[in-house]
Structure formats: structure tokens, C-alpha cells
PDB file of N, CA and C in Angstrom:
ATOM      1  N   MET A   1     -31.844  11.308 -23.976  1.00  0.00           N
ATOM      2  CA  MET A   1     -32.233  10.210 -23.526  1.00  0.00           C
ATOM      3  C   MET A   1     -32.825  11.000 -22.124  1.00  0.00           C
ATOM      4  N   ALA A   2     -34.347   9.841 -21.603  1.00  0.00           N
ATOM      5  CA  ALA A   2     -35.114  10.519 -20.455  1.00  0.00           C
ATOM      6  C   ALA A   2     -34.756  10.385 -19.249  1.00  0.00           C
ATOM      7  N   ASP A   3     -33.913   8.343 -19.364  1.00  0.00           N
ATOM      8  CA  ASP A   3     -33.917   8.106 -18.622  1.00  0.00           C
ATOM      9  C   ASP A   3     -33.011   8.134 -17.668  1.00  0.00           C
ATOM     10  N   GLN A   4     -32.839   7.849 -16.185  1.00  0.00           N
ATOM     11  CA  GLN A   4     -31.990   8.425 -15.368  1.00  0.00           C
ATOM     12  C   GLN A   4     -31.992   7.633 -14.148  1.00  0.00           C
ATOM     13  N   ILE A   5     -31.052   7.020 -13.893  1.00  0.00           N
ATOM     14  CA  ILE A   5     -30.382   6.703 -12.096  1.00  0.00           C
ATOM     15  C   ILE A   5     -30.438   7.274 -11.161  1.00  0.00           C
ATOM     16  N   ARG A   6     -31.222   8.359 -10.364  1.00  0.00           N
ATOM     17  CA  ARG A   6     -30.701   9.340  -9.490  1.00  0.00           C
ATOM     18  C   ARG A   6     -30.264   8.807  -8.142  1.00  0.00           C
ATOM     19  N   ILE A   7     -28.946   9.141  -7.302  1.00  0.00           N
ATOM     20  CA  ILE A   7     -28.355   8.986  -6.521  1.00  0.00           C
ATOM     21  C   ILE A   7     -28.574  10.479  -6.260  1.00  0.00           C
ATOM     22  N   ARG A   8     -28.813  10.185  -4.253  1.00  0.00           N
ATOM     23  CA  ARG A   8     -28.562  11.775  -3.737  1.00  0.00           C
ATOM     24  C   ARG A   8     -28.592  11.756  -2.432  1.00  0.00           C
ATOM     25  N   GLY A   9     -27.536  12.341  -1.501  1.00  0.00           N
ATOM     26  CA  GLY A   9     -27.120  12.655  -0.652  1.00  0.00           C
ATOM     27  C   GLY A   9     -26.351  11.758   0.153  1.00  0.00           C
ATOM     28  N   LEU A  10     -25.511  10.761  -0.966  1.00  0.00           N
ATOM     29  CA  LEU A  10     -24.053   9.833  -1.121  1.00  0.00           C
ATOM     30  C   LEU A  10     -23.156  10.902   0.349  1.00  0.00           C
ATOM     31  N   ARG A  11     -23.246  10.308   1.337  1.00  0.00           N
ATOM     32  CA  ARG A  11     -22.050  10.943   2.830  1.00  0.00           C
ATOM     33  C   ARG A  11     -20.923  10.562   2.280  1.00  0.00           C
ATOM     34  N   VAL A  12     -19.358  11.401   1.819  1.00  0.00           N
ATOM     35  CA  VAL A  12     -18.389  11.237   1.760  1.00  0.00           C
ATOM     36  C   VAL A  12     -17.355  11.940   2.811  1.00  0.00           C
ATOM     37  N   MET A  13     -16.276  10.689   3.590  1.00  0.00           N
ATOM     38  CA  MET A  13     -14.973  11.898   3.964  1.00  0.00           C
ATOM     39  C   MET A  13     -14.153  11.989   3.056  1.00  0.00           C
ATOM     40  N   ALA A  14     -13.975  12.878   3.298  1.00  0.00           N
ATOM     41  CA  ALA A  14     -12.656  13.097   1.729  1.00  0.00           C
ATOM     42  C   ALA A  14     -11.486  13.991   2.011  1.00  0.00           C
ATOM     43  N   ILE A  15     -10.302  14.053   1.692  1.00  0.00           N
ATOM     44  CA  ILE A  15      -9.304  15.749   1.924  1.00  0.00           C
ATOM     45  C   ILE A  15      -9.499  16.109   0.491  1.00  0.00           C
ATOM     46  N   CYS A  16     -10.285  17.310   0.752  1.00  0.00           N
ATOM     47  CA  CYS A  16      -9.895  18.281  -0.297  1.00  0.00           C
ATOM     48  C   CYS A  16      -9.833  19.517   0.306  1.00  0.00           C
ATOM     49  N   GLY A  17      -9.048  20.423  -0.381  1.00  0.00           N
ATOM     50  CA  GLY A  17      -9.022  22.077  -0.242  1.00  0.00           C
ATOM     51  C   GLY A  17      -7.434  22.250  -0.399  1.00  0.00           C
ATOM     52  N   ALA A  18      -7.668  23.817  -0.544  1.00  0.00           N
ATOM     53  CA  ALA A  18      -7.050  24.025  -1.164  1.00  0.00           C
ATOM     54  C   ALA A  18      -5.827  25.209   0.496  1.00  0.00           C
ATOM     55  N   LEU A  19      -6.660  24.505   1.738  1.00  0.00           N
ATOM     56  CA  LEU A  19      -5.808  25.004   2.657  1.00  0.00           C
ATOM     57  C   LEU A  19      -5.236  23.910   3.193  1.00  0.00           C
ATOM     58  N   PRO A  20      -3.929  24.715   3.908  1.00  0.00           N
ATOM     59  CA  PRO A  20      -3.223  23.172   4.388  1.00  0.00           C
ATOM     60  C   PRO A  20      -4.109  22.604   5.787  1.00  0.00           C
ATOM     61  N   GLU A  21      -4.991  22.916   6.343  1.00  0.00           N
ATOM     62  CA  GLU A  21      -5.818  22.199   7.483  1.00  0.00           C
ATOM     63  C   GLU A  21      -6.334  21.443   6.175  1.00  0.00           C
ATOM     64  N   GLU A  22      -7.495  21.057   5.567  1.00  0.00           N
ATOM     65  CA  GLU A  22      -8.146  20.854   4.860  1.00  0.00           C
ATOM     66  C   GLU A  22      -7.364  19.672   3.971  1.00  0.00           C
ATOM     67  N   GLN A  23      -6.209  19.967   3.737  1.00  0.00           N
ATOM     68  CA  GLN A  23      -5.393  18.813   3.201  1.00  0.00           C
ATOM     69  C   GLN A  23      -4.601  17.518   4.776  1.00  0.00           C
ATOM     70  N   GLU A  24      -5.058  17.779   5.946  1.00  0.00           N
ATOM     71  CA  GLU A  24      -4.499  16.879   7.152  1.00  0.00           C
ATOM     72  C   GLU A  24      -5.508  15.974   7.515  1.00  0.00           C
ATOM     73  N   ARG A  25      -6.654  16.754   7.234  1.00  0.00           N
ATOM     74  CA  ARG A  25      -7.984  15.640   7.669  1.00  0.00           C
ATOM     75  C   ARG A  25      -8.848  15.802   6.778  1.00  0.00           C
ATOM     76  N   ARG A  26     -10.269  15.047   7.073  1.00  0.00           N
ATOM     77  CA  ARG A  26     -11.009  14.242   5.729  1.00  0.00           C
ATOM     78  C   ARG A  26     -12.257  15.172   6.565  1.00  0.00           C
ATOM     79  N   GLN A  27     -13.381  15.845   5.237  1.00  0.00           N
ATOM     80  CA  GLN A  27     -14.172  16.567   6.152  1.00  0.00           C
ATOM     81  C   GLN A  27     -15.322  15.798   5.221  1.00  0.00           C
ATOM     82  N   PRO A  28     -16.400  16.170   5.728  1.00  0.00           N
ATOM     83  CA  PRO A  28     -17.631  15.185   4.805  1.00  0.00           C
ATOM     84  C   PRO A  28     -18.122  16.670   3.209  1.00  0.00           C
ATOM     85  N   PHE A  29     -18.531  15.553   2.133  1.00  0.00           N
ATOM     86  CA  PHE A  29     -18.949  16.020   1.278  1.00  0.00           C
ATOM     87  C   PHE A  29     -20.009  15.353   1.017  1.00  0.00           C
ATOM     88  N   MET A  30     -21.094  15.124   0.210  1.00  0.00           N
ATOM     89  CA  MET A  30     -22.183  15.158  -0.257  1.00  0.00           C
ATOM     90  C   MET A  30     -22.709  15.135  -1.720  1.00  0.00           C
ATOM     91  N   ILE A  31     -22.779  14.058  -2.079  1.00  0.00           N
ATOM     92  CA  ILE A  31     -23.191  13.557  -3.583  1.00  0.00           C
ATOM     93  C   ILE A  31     -23.979  13.305  -4.547  1.00  0.00           C
ATOM     94  N   ASP A  32     -24.874  14.217  -5.415  1.00  0.00           N
ATOM     95  CA  ASP A  32     -25.841  13.852  -5.832  1.00  0.00           C
ATOM     96  C   ASP A  32     -25.294  13.350  -7.146  1.00  0.00           C
ATOM     97  N   LEU A  33     -26.102  12.305  -8.210  1.00  0.00           N
ATOM     98  CA  LEU A  33     -25.201  12.153  -9.534  1.00  0.00           C
ATOM     99  C   LEU A  33     -27.575  11.672 -10.149  1.00  0.00           C
ATOM    100  N   ASP A  34     -27.206  12.503 -11.260  1.00  0.00           N
ATOM    101  CA  ASP A  34     -28.044  12.514 -12.043  1.00  0.00           C
ATOM    102  C   ASP A  34     -27.355  11.090 -13.281  1.00  0.00           C
ATOM    103  N   VAL A  35     -27.290   9.397 -13.354  1.00  0.00           N
ATOM    104  CA  VAL A  35     -26.897   8.601 -14.808  1.00  0.00           C
ATOM    105  C   VAL A  35     -28.049   8.650 -16.051  1.00  0.00           C
ATOM    106  N   GLU A  36     -27.646   8.532 -16.703  1.00  0.00           N
ATOM    107  CA  GLU A  36     -28.316   8.758 -17.835  1.00  0.00           C
ATOM    108  C   GLU A  36     -28.289   7.569 -18.354  1.00  0.00           C
ATOM    109  N   ALA A  37     -29.352   6.533 -18.581  1.00  0.00           N
ATOM    110  CA  ALA A  37     -28.928   5.721 -19.298  1.00  0.00           C
ATOM    111  C   ALA A  37     -30.497   4.615 -19.945  1.00  0.00           C
ATOM    112  N   ASP A  38     -30.353   3.804 -20.707  1.00  0.00           N
ATOM    113  CA  ASP A  38     -30.896   3.436 -21.651  1.00  0.00           C
ATOM    114  C   ASP A  38     -32.042   2.162 -20.451  1.00  0.00           C
ATOM    115  N   LEU A  39     -32.562   2.333 -19.815  1.00  0.00           N
ATOM    116  CA  LEU A  39     -33.721   1.599 -18.509  1.00  0.00           C
ATOM    117  C   LEU A  39     -34.573   0.403 -19.370  1.00  0.00           C
ATOM    118  N   VAL A  40     -34.775   0.773 -20.306  1.00  0.00           N
ATOM    119  CA  VAL A  40     -36.243   0.076 -20.900  1.00  0.00           C
ATOM    120  C   VAL A  40     -35.775  -1.182 -20.700  1.00  0.00           C
ATOM    121  N   THR A  41     -34.923  -1.470 -21.007  1.00  0.00           N
ATOM    122  CA  THR A  41     -34.131  -3.621 -21.298  1.00  0.00           C
ATOM    123  C   THR A  41     -35.454  -3.956 -19.539  1.00  0.00           C
ATOM    124  N   ALA A  42     -34.009  -2.763 -18.343  1.00  0.00           N
ATOM    125  CA  ALA A  42     -34.495  -3.121 -17.789  1.00  0.00           C
ATOM    126  C   ALA A  42     -35.760  -3.308 -16.936  1.00  0.00           C
ATOM    127  N   GLY A  43     -36.223  -2.486 -17.058  1.00  0.00           N
ATOM    128  CA  GLY A  43     -38.051  -2.101 -16.841  1.00  0.00           C
ATOM    129  C   GLY A  43     -38.381  -3.193 -17.301  1.00  0.00           C
ATOM    130  N   SER A  44     -38.085  -4.037 -18.387  1.00  0.00           N
ATOM    131  CA  SER A  44     -39.059  -5.536 -18.918  1.00  0.00           C
ATOM    132  C   SER A  44     -38.348  -6.179 -18.364  1.00  0.00           C
ATOM    133  N   SER A  45     -37.424  -6.292 -18.437  1.00  0.00           N
ATOM    134  CA  SER A  45     -36.410  -7.682 -17.670  1.00  0.00           C
ATOM    135  C   SER A  45     -36.825  -7.660 -16.407  1.00  0.00           C
ATOM    136  N   ASP A  46     -36.699  -7.214 -15.510  1.00  0.00           N
ATOM    137  CA  ASP A  46     -36.535  -7.210 -13.918  1.00  0.00           C
ATOM    138  C   ASP A  46     -35.277  -8.127 -13.693  1.00  0.00           C
ATOM    139  N   ASP A  47     -33.930  -8.128 -14.558  1.00  0.00           N
ATOM    140  CA  ASP A  47     -32.883  -8.546 -14.186  1.00  0.00           C
ATOM    141  C   ASP A  47     -31.759  -6.869 -13.851  1.00  0.00           C
ATOM    142  N   LEU A  48     -30.924  -7.381 -13.099  1.00  0.00           N
ATOM    143  CA  LEU A  48     -29.987  -6.273 -12.180  1.00  0.00           C
ATOM    144  C   LEU A  48     -29.373  -5.938 -13.360  1.00  0.00           C
ATOM    145  N   GLY A  49     -28.759  -7.566 -13.967  1.00  0.00           N
ATOM    146  CA  GLY A  49     -28.058  -7.747 -15.352  1.00  0.00           C
ATOM    147  C   GLY A  49     -28.338  -6.130 -16.131  1.00  0.00           C
ATOM    148  N   ASP A  50     -29.158  -5.738 -16.682  1.00  0.00           N
ATOM    149  CA  ASP A  50     -29.690  -4.905 -17.522  1.00  0.00           C
ATOM    150  C   ASP A  50     -29.951  -3.895 -16.931  1.00  0.00           C
ATOM    151  N   THR A  51     -28.933  -3.271 -16.107  1.00  0.00           N
ATOM    152  CA  THR A  51     -28.991  -1.919 -15.106  1.00  0.00           C
ATOM    153  C   THR A  51     -27.847  -1.883 -15.151  1.00  0.00           C
ATOM    154  N   ILE A  52     -28.030  -0.498 -14.488  1.00  0.00           N
ATOM    155  CA  ILE A  52     -26.399   0.144 -13.214  1.00  0.00           C
ATOM    156  C   ILE A  52     -26.805  -0.127 -11.725  1.00  0.00           C
ATOM    157  N   ASN A  53     -26.327  -1.045 -10.932  1.00  0.00           N
ATOM    158  CA  ASN A  53     -26.147  -0.911  -9.769  1.00  0.00           C
ATOM    159  C   ASN A  53     -25.717   0.117  -8.885  1.00  0.00           C
ATOM    160  N   TYR A  54     -26.848   0.641  -8.525  1.00  0.00           N
ATOM    161  CA  TYR A  54     -26.668   1.821  -7.842  1.00  0.00           C
ATOM    162  C   TYR A  54     -26.233   1.518  -6.407  1.00  0.00           C
ATOM    163  N   GLY A  55     -26.467   0.643  -5.805  1.00  0.00           N
ATOM    164  CA  GLY A  55     -25.448  -0.472  -4.299  1.00  0.00           C
ATOM    165  C   GLY A  55     -23.955  -0.275  -4.958  1.00  0.00           C
ATOM    166  N   GLU A  56     -23.597  -0.453  -6.335  1.00  0.00           N
ATOM    167  CA  GLU A  56     -22.389  -1.068  -6.792  1.00  0.00           C
ATOM    168  C   GLU A  56     -21.373   0.748  -7.138  1.00  0.00           C
ATOM    169  N   LEU A  57     -22.345   1.182  -7.475  1.00  0.00           N
ATOM    170  CA  LEU A  57     -22.184   2.056  -7.941  1.00  0.00           C
ATOM    171  C   LEU A  57     -21.542   3.317  -7.134  1.00  0.00           C
ATOM    172  N   CYS A  58     -22.423   3.663  -5.802  1.00  0.00           N
ATOM    173  CA  CYS A  58     -21.623   3.915  -4.631  1.00  0.00           C
ATOM    174  C   CYS A  58     -20.621   3.704  -4.138  1.00  0.00           C
ATOM    175  N   GLU A  59     -20.689   2.225  -4.117  1.00  0.00           N
ATOM    176  CA  GLU A  59     -19.400   2.129  -3.579  1.00  0.00           C
ATOM    177  C   GLU A  59     -18.338   2.172  -3.676  1.00  0.00           C
ATOM    178  N   ARG A  60     -17.877   2.288  -5.348  1.00  0.00           N
ATOM    179  CA  ARG A  60     -17.261   2.908  -5.533  1.00  0.00           C
ATOM    180  C   ARG A  60     -16.231   3.871  -6.096  1.00  0.00           C
ATOM    181  N   ILE A  61     -17.685   4.825  -6.120  1.00  0.00           N
ATOM    182  CA  ILE A  61     -17.479   6.155  -6.108  1.00  0.00           C
ATOM    183  C   ILE A  61     -16.923   6.730  -4.775  1.00  0.00           C
ATOM    184  N   THR A  62     -17.152   6.256  -3.450  1.00  0.00           N
ATOM    185  CA  THR A  62     -16.851   6.046  -2.108  1.00  0.00           C
ATOM    186  C   THR A  62     -15.274   5.630  -2.140  1.00  0.00           C
ATOM    187  N   ASP A  63     -15.140   4.469  -2.786  1.00  0.00           N
ATOM    188  CA  ASP A  63     -13.479   4.509  -2.561  1.00  0.00           C
ATOM    189  C   ASP A  63     -12.596   5.393  -3.477  1.00  0.00           C
ATOM    190  N   VAL A  64     -13.168   5.984  -4.543  1.00  0.00           N
ATOM    191  CA  VAL A  64     -12.331   6.254  -5.441  1.00  0.00           C
ATOM    192  C   VAL A  64     -11.897   8.345  -4.870  1.00  0.00           C
ATOM    193  N   VAL A  65     -13.327   8.805  -4.276  1.00  0.00           N
ATOM    194  CA  VAL A  65     -12.924   9.983  -3.452  1.00  0.00           C
ATOM    195  C   VAL A  65     -12.445   9.498  -1.813  1.00  0.00           C
ATOM    196  N   GLN A  66     -12.794   8.680  -1.404  1.00  0.00           N
ATOM    197  CA  GLN A  66     -11.920   8.197  -0.346  1.00  0.00           C
ATOM    198  C   GLN A  66     -10.819   8.236  -0.184  1.00  0.00           C
ATOM    199  N   THR A  67     -10.501   7.477  -1.100  1.00  0.00           N
ATOM    200  CA  THR A  67      -8.728   7.184  -1.283  1.00  0.00           C
ATOM    201  C   THR A  67      -7.979   8.183  -1.526  1.00  0.00           C
ATOM    202  N   GLY A  68      -8.507   9.324  -2.416  1.00  0.00           N
ATOM    203  CA  GLY A  68      -7.750  10.194  -3.781  1.00  0.00           C
ATOM    204  C   GLY A  68      -7.180  11.341  -2.468  1.00  0.00           C
ATOM    205  N   ARG A  69      -6.438  11.989  -2.966  1.00  0.00           N
ATOM    206  CA  ARG A  69      -6.138  13.801  -2.079  1.00  0.00           C
ATOM    207  C   ARG A  69      -6.669  14.740  -2.936  1.00  0.00           C
ATOM    208  N   PHE A  70      -7.172  15.715  -3.482  1.00  0.00           N
ATOM    209  CA  PHE A  70      -7.414  16.589  -3.489  1.00  0.00           C
ATOM    210  C   PHE A  70      -7.107  18.550  -3.063  1.00  0.00           C
ATOM    211  N   VAL A  71      -7.338  18.664  -4.324  1.00  0.00           N
ATOM    212  CA  VAL A  71      -7.084  20.445  -3.853  1.00  0.00           C
ATOM    213  C   VAL A  71      -8.613  21.387  -4.147  1.00  0.00           C
ATOM    214  N   LEU A  72      -8.870  20.827  -4.907  1.00  0.00           N
ATOM    215  CA  LEU A  72     -10.441  20.838  -6.307  1.00  0.00           C
ATOM    216  C   LEU A  72     -11.170  20.636  -5.573  1.00  0.00           C
ATOM    217  N   ILE A  73     -12.262  21.191  -5.493  1.00  0.00           N
ATOM    218  CA  ILE A  73     -13.581  20.367  -5.778  1.00  0.00           C
ATOM    219  C   ILE A  73     -14.395  19.673  -7.267  1.00  0.00           C
ATOM    220  N   GLU A  74     -13.907  20.894  -8.267  1.00  0.00           N
ATOM    221  CA  GLU A  74     -13.573  20.399  -9.676  1.00  0.00           C
ATOM    222  C   GLU A  74     -13.138  19.363 -10.078  1.00  0.00           C
ATOM    223  N   ARG A  75     -11.850  18.660  -9.485  1.00  0.00           N
ATOM    224  CA  ARG A  75     -11.645  17.742  -9.628  1.00  0.00           C
ATOM    225  C   ARG A  75     -12.333  16.602  -9.198  1.00  0.00           C
ATOM    226  N   VAL A  76     -13.022  16.700  -7.709  1.00  0.00           N
ATOM    227  CA  VAL A  76     -13.339  15.124  -7.042  1.00  0.00           C
ATOM    228  C   VAL A  76     -14.553  15.291  -8.028  1.00  0.00           C
ATOM    229  N   ALA A  77     -15.244  16.393  -8.299  1.00  0.00           N
ATOM    230  CA  ALA A  77     -16.086  16.364  -9.846  1.00  0.00           C
ATOM    231  C   ALA A  77     -15.861  15.356 -10.589  1.00  0.00           C
ATOM    232  N   THR A  78     -15.018  16.201 -11.437  1.00  0.00           N
ATOM    233  CA  THR A  78     -14.617  15.311 -12.465  1.00  0.00           C
ATOM    234  C   THR A  78     -14.230  13.529 -12.524  1.00  0.00           C
ATOM    235  N   VAL A  79     -13.194  13.263 -11.820  1.00  0.00           N
ATOM    236  CA  VAL A  79     -12.745  12.139 -11.132  1.00  0.00           C
ATOM    237  C   VAL A  79     -14.616  10.800 -10.867  1.00  0.00           C
ATOM    238  N   ILE A  80     -14.942  11.650 -10.239  1.00  0.00           N
ATOM    239  CA  ILE A  80     -16.688  11.049  -9.798  1.00  0.00           C
ATOM    240  C   ILE A  80     -17.246  10.490 -11.065  1.00  0.00           C
ATOM    241  N   ALA A  81     -17.578  12.128 -12.120  1.00  0.00           N
ATOM    242  CA  ALA A  81     -17.957  11.790 -13.462  1.00  0.00           C
ATOM    243  C   ALA A  81     -16.670  10.779 -14.396  1.00  0.00           C
ATOM    244  N   GLU A  82     -15.744  10.894 -14.229  1.00  0.00           N
ATOM    245  CA  GLU A  82     -15.147   9.298 -15.035  1.00  0.00           C
ATOM    246  C   GLU A  82     -15.217   8.105 -14.522  1.00  0.00           C
ATOM    247  N   THR A  83     -15.781   7.826 -12.944  1.00  0.00           N
ATOM    248  CA  THR A  83     -16.053   6.809 -12.840  1.00  0.00           C
ATOM    249  C   THR A  83     -17.242   5.840 -13.028  1.00  0.00           C
ATOM    250  N   VAL A  84     -18.335   7.113 -13.343  1.00  0.00           N
ATOM    251  CA  VAL A  84     -19.020   6.448 -13.443  1.00  0.00           C
ATOM    252  C   VAL A  84     -19.115   6.194 -14.859  1.00  0.00           C
ATOM    253  N   LEU A  85     -19.057   7.040 -15.695  1.00  0.00           N
ATOM    254  CA  LEU A  85     -18.401   6.377 -17.086  1.00  0.00           C
ATOM    255  C   LEU A  85     -18.315   5.326 -17.903  1.00  0.00           C
ATOM    256  N   LYS A  86     -17.126   4.922 -16.723  1.00  0.00           N
ATOM    257  CA  LYS A  86     -16.610   3.122 -17.002  1.00  0.00           C
ATOM    258  C   LYS A  86     -17.773   2.491 -17.186  1.00  0.00           C
ATOM    259  N   TYR A  87     -18.796   2.902 -16.956  1.00  0.00           N
ATOM    260  CA  TYR A  87     -20.244   1.736 -16.465  1.00  0.00           C
ATOM    261  C   TYR A  87     -20.568   1.876 -18.146  1.00  0.00           C
ATOM    262  N   ASP A  88     -20.857   0.485 -18.842  1.00  0.00           N
ATOM    263  CA  ASP A  88     -20.558   0.658 -19.886  1.00  0.00           C
ATOM    264  C   ASP A  88     -22.434   1.276 -20.484  1.00  0.00           C
ATOM    265  N   ARG A  89     -23.139   0.928 -19.570  1.00  0.00           N
ATOM    266  CA  ARG A  89     -24.742   1.268 -19.852  1.00  0.00           C
ATOM    267  C   ARG A  89     -24.915   3.243 -19.751  1.00  0.00           C
ATOM    268  N   ALA A  90     -23.748   3.582 -18.903  1.00  0.00           N
ATOM    269  CA  ALA A  90     -24.142   5.405 -18.467  1.00  0.00           C
ATOM    270  C   ALA A  90     -23.914   6.129 -20.010  1.00  0.00           C
ATOM    271  N   GLU A  91     -24.567   6.926 -20.356  1.00  0.00           N
ATOM    272  CA  GLU A  91     -24.030   7.926 -21.493  1.00  0.00           C
ATOM    273  C   GLU A  91     -23.579   9.215 -21.199  1.00  0.00           C
ATOM    274  N   ALA A  92     -23.923   9.139 -20.108  1.00  0.00           N
ATOM    275  CA  ALA A  92     -24.290  10.971 -19.197  1.00  0.00           C
ATOM    276  C   ALA A  92     -24.219  10.781 -18.207  1.00  0.00           C
ATOM    277  N   VAL A  93     -23.392  11.717 -17.399  1.00  0.00           N
ATOM    278  CA  VAL A  93     -23.998  12.196 -15.493  1.00  0.00           C
ATOM    279  C   VAL A  93     -24.230  13.645 -15.469  1.00  0.00           C
ATOM    280  N   THR A  94     -24.752  13.627 -14.154  1.00  0.00           N
ATOM    281  CA  THR A  94     -24.550  15.132 -13.910  1.00  0.00           C
ATOM    282  C   THR A  94     -23.886  14.694 -11.985  1.00  0.00           C
ATOM    283  N   VAL A  95     -22.864  15.242 -11.858  1.00  0.00           N
ATOM    284  CA  VAL A  95     -22.179  15.235 -10.707  1.00  0.00           C
ATOM    285  C   VAL A  95     -22.547  16.853  -9.545  1.00  0.00           C
ATOM    286  N   GLU A  96     -23.714  16.449  -8.337  1.00  0.00           N
ATOM    287  CA  GLU A  96     -23.700  17.677  -7.664  1.00  0.00           C
ATOM    288  C   GLU A  96     -22.728  17.069  -6.608  1.00  0.00           C
ATOM    289  N   LEU A  97     -21.854  18.100  -6.504  1.00  0.00           N
ATOM    290  CA  LEU A  97     -20.468  17.913  -5.073  1.00  0.00           C
ATOM    291  C   LEU A  97     -20.787  19.426  -4.187  1.00  0.00           C
ATOM    292  N   ARG A  98     -21.081  18.777  -2.762  1.00  0.00           N
ATOM    293  CA  ARG A  98     -20.843  19.128  -1.764  1.00  0.00           C
ATOM    294  C   ARG A  98     -20.185  19.354  -0.803  1.00  0.00           C
ATOM    295  N   LYS A  99     -19.740  20.352  -0.550  1.00  0.00           N
ATOM    296  CA  LYS A  99     -18.526  20.596   0.722  1.00  0.00           C
ATOM    297  C   LYS A  99     -19.667  20.618   1.679  1.00  0.00           C
ATOM    298  N   LEU A 100     -19.535  20.251   2.866  1.00  0.00           N
ATOM    299  CA  LEU A 100     -20.832  20.507   3.784  1.00  0.00           C
ATOM    300  C   LEU A 100     -19.988  21.450   5.079  1.00  0.00           C
ATOM    301  N   ARG A 101     -18.760  21.592   5.088  1.00  0.00           N
ATOM    302  CA  ARG A 101     -17.754  22.287   6.176  1.00  0.00           C
ATOM    303  C   ARG A 101     -17.842  23.514   6.003  1.00  0.00           C
ATOM    304  N   PRO A 102     -17.562  24.280   4.510  1.00  0.00           N
ATOM    305  CA  PRO A 102     -17.083  25.021   3.611  1.00  0.00           C
ATOM    306  C   PRO A 102     -16.215  26.123   5.213  1.00  0.00           C
ATOM    307  N   PRO A 103     -14.575  25.929   4.879  1.00  0.00           N
ATOM    308  CA  PRO A 103     -13.942  26.998   6.101  1.00  0.00           C
ATOM    309  C   PRO A 103     -13.718  27.924   5.476  1.00  0.00           C
ATOM    310  N   VAL A 104     -14.718  29.020   5.422  1.00  0.00           N
ATOM    311  CA  VAL A 104     -14.734  30.592   5.291  1.00  0.00           C
ATOM    312  C   VAL A 104     -15.686  30.916   6.641  1.00  0.00           C
ATOM    313  N   PRO A 105     -14.910  32.199   7.119  1.00  0.00           N
ATOM    314  CA  PRO A 105     -16.039  32.707   7.948  1.00  0.00           C
ATOM    315  C   PRO A 105     -17.092  33.333   7.854  1.00  0.00           C
ATOM    316  N   GLU A 106     -17.764  33.253   7.033  1.00  0.00           N
ATOM    317  CA  GLU A 106     -19.441  33.438   6.661  1.00  0.00           C
ATOM    318  C   GLU A 106     -20.246  32.313   7.041  1.00  0.00           C
ATOM    319  N   SER A 107     -21.515  32.876   6.868  1.00  0.00           N
ATOM    320  CA  SER A 107     -22.580  31.653   7.657  1.00  0.00           C
ATOM    321  C   SER A 107     -22.799  31.343   6.070  1.00  0.00           C
ATOM    322  N   LEU A 108     -22.274  29.627   5.797  1.00  0.00           N
ATOM    323  CA  LEU A 108     -22.385  29.279   4.609  1.00  0.00           C
ATOM    324  C   LEU A 108     -23.193  27.734   5.097  1.00  0.00           C
ATOM    325  N   ASP A 109     -24.131  27.292   4.893  1.00  0.00           N
ATOM    326  CA  ASP A 109     -24.071  25.997   4.675  1.00  0.00           C
ATOM    327  C   ASP A 109     -23.530  24.783   4.227  1.00  0.00           C
ATOM    328  N   THR A 110     -23.282  25.101   2.566  1.00  0.00           N
ATOM    329  CA  THR A 110     -22.538  24.252   1.260  1.00  0.00           C
ATOM    330  C   THR A 110     -21.985  25.466   0.949  1.00  0.00           C
ATOM    331  N   CYS A 111     -20.877  24.881  -0.384  1.00  0.00           N
ATOM    332  CA  CYS A 111     -20.795  25.165  -1.247  1.00  0.00           C
ATOM    333  C   CYS A 111     -19.832  23.969  -2.313  1.00  0.00           C
ATOM    334  N   GLY A 112     -20.162  24.368  -3.540  1.00  0.00           N
ATOM    335  CA  GLY A 112     -20.041  22.997  -4.320  1.00  0.00           C
ATOM    336  C   GLY A 112     -19.789  23.636  -5.969  1.00  0.00           C
ATOM    337  N   VAL A 113     -20.043  22.728  -6.503  1.00  0.00           N
ATOM    338  CA  VAL A 113     -19.432  22.470  -8.090  1.00  0.00           C
ATOM    339  C   VAL A 113     -20.833  21.532  -8.663  1.00  0.00           C
ATOM    340  N   ARG A 114     -21.961  21.692 -10.255  1.00  0.00           N
ATOM    341  CA  ARG A 114     -22.020  20.590 -10.791  1.00  0.00           C
ATOM    342  C   ARG A 114     -21.857  21.034 -12.268  1.00  0.00           C
ATOM    343  N   ILE A 115     -21.265  19.815 -12.092  1.00  0.00           N
ATOM    344  CA  ILE A 115     -21.182  18.516 -14.143  1.00  0.00           C
ATOM    345  C   ILE A 115     -21.400  18.519 -14.454  1.00  0.00           C
ATOM    346  N   ARG A 116     -21.977  18.132 -15.708  1.00  0.00           N
ATOM    347  CA  ARG A 116     -22.015  17.124 -16.297  1.00  0.00           C
ATOM    348  C   ARG A 116     -21.041  16.539 -17.210  1.00  0.00           C
ATOM    349  N   ARG A 117     -20.892  15.111 -17.341  1.00  0.00           N
ATOM    350  CA  ARG A 117     -20.125  14.758 -18.489  1.00  0.00           C
ATOM    351  C   ARG A 117     -21.122  13.580 -19.416  1.00  0.00           C
ATOM    352  N   THR A 118     -20.199  13.366 -20.848  1.00  0.00           N
ATOM    353  CA  THR A 118     -21.173  12.816 -21.584  1.00  0.00           C
ATOM    354  C   THR A 118     -19.901  11.605 -22.136  1.00  0.00           C
ATOM    355  N   ARG A 119     -19.986  10.120 -22.540  1.00  0.00           N
ATOM    356  CA  ARG A 119     -19.618   9.909 -23.195  1.00  0.00           C
ATOM    357  C   ARG A 119     -18.753  10.338 -24.802  1.00  0.00           C
TER     358      ARG A 119
END
């Protein structure tokens, strides 16, 4: 399927990390999504009901990530993918999740994972 809804740079504060201090305070994450869905009908109808409402999708993802408590970013990415695939129109999703302030002594901009899940 070639059609995609693409979301870039969704910033969310979440509790995620293996270190004790990471479990005590929220830290920033950035999420990019490629949601594969048939967009032909929406392209013809110009009707929001014929597509996936990306505003609603962002709200749901933000809610599930902010209210959860995670150790691994792999788990956060999986929860995001599961949230996307609850939409009937979503056939597959690629999730890229980046921790914006990784707790390492080296100079590192971000660290993250990229996963792809299908129905």
C-alpha cells in the first residue's frame, strides 16, 4: 500500500528509562509516524470520516504515552503502534521514537528505535 499519513515531530513528555532517576521525572520524546492506509476514498470525497483524523490520532498517542510508565523505548514504540492499529483504516504503521535527552556521558543528540507493525 503506497498511501500514508505522515506525522513528524510529535513531542511528548513521558516516564521511560532503566535508570532510577528516569522513573522519577518525565523527559522529552519525539515521535514520527508513517501510517499506511487506503486514502483513495478520502481523496475523492473530501470527507474527514473517510480517513484517519491525525489530530485525534496525535491526541490518543500523547495520552497513552504520558499516562504510561515504561522502562524501554521499545515498549513505548510498541504501545504507540498498537494505538495506531486500533483504527480500522490503518493497515500498518512505522513508528520512530527518539529520546531527546538520553542519559549518557557522551555527546549524543538523541537515541531511539524504529519499528514497523502490520495488522
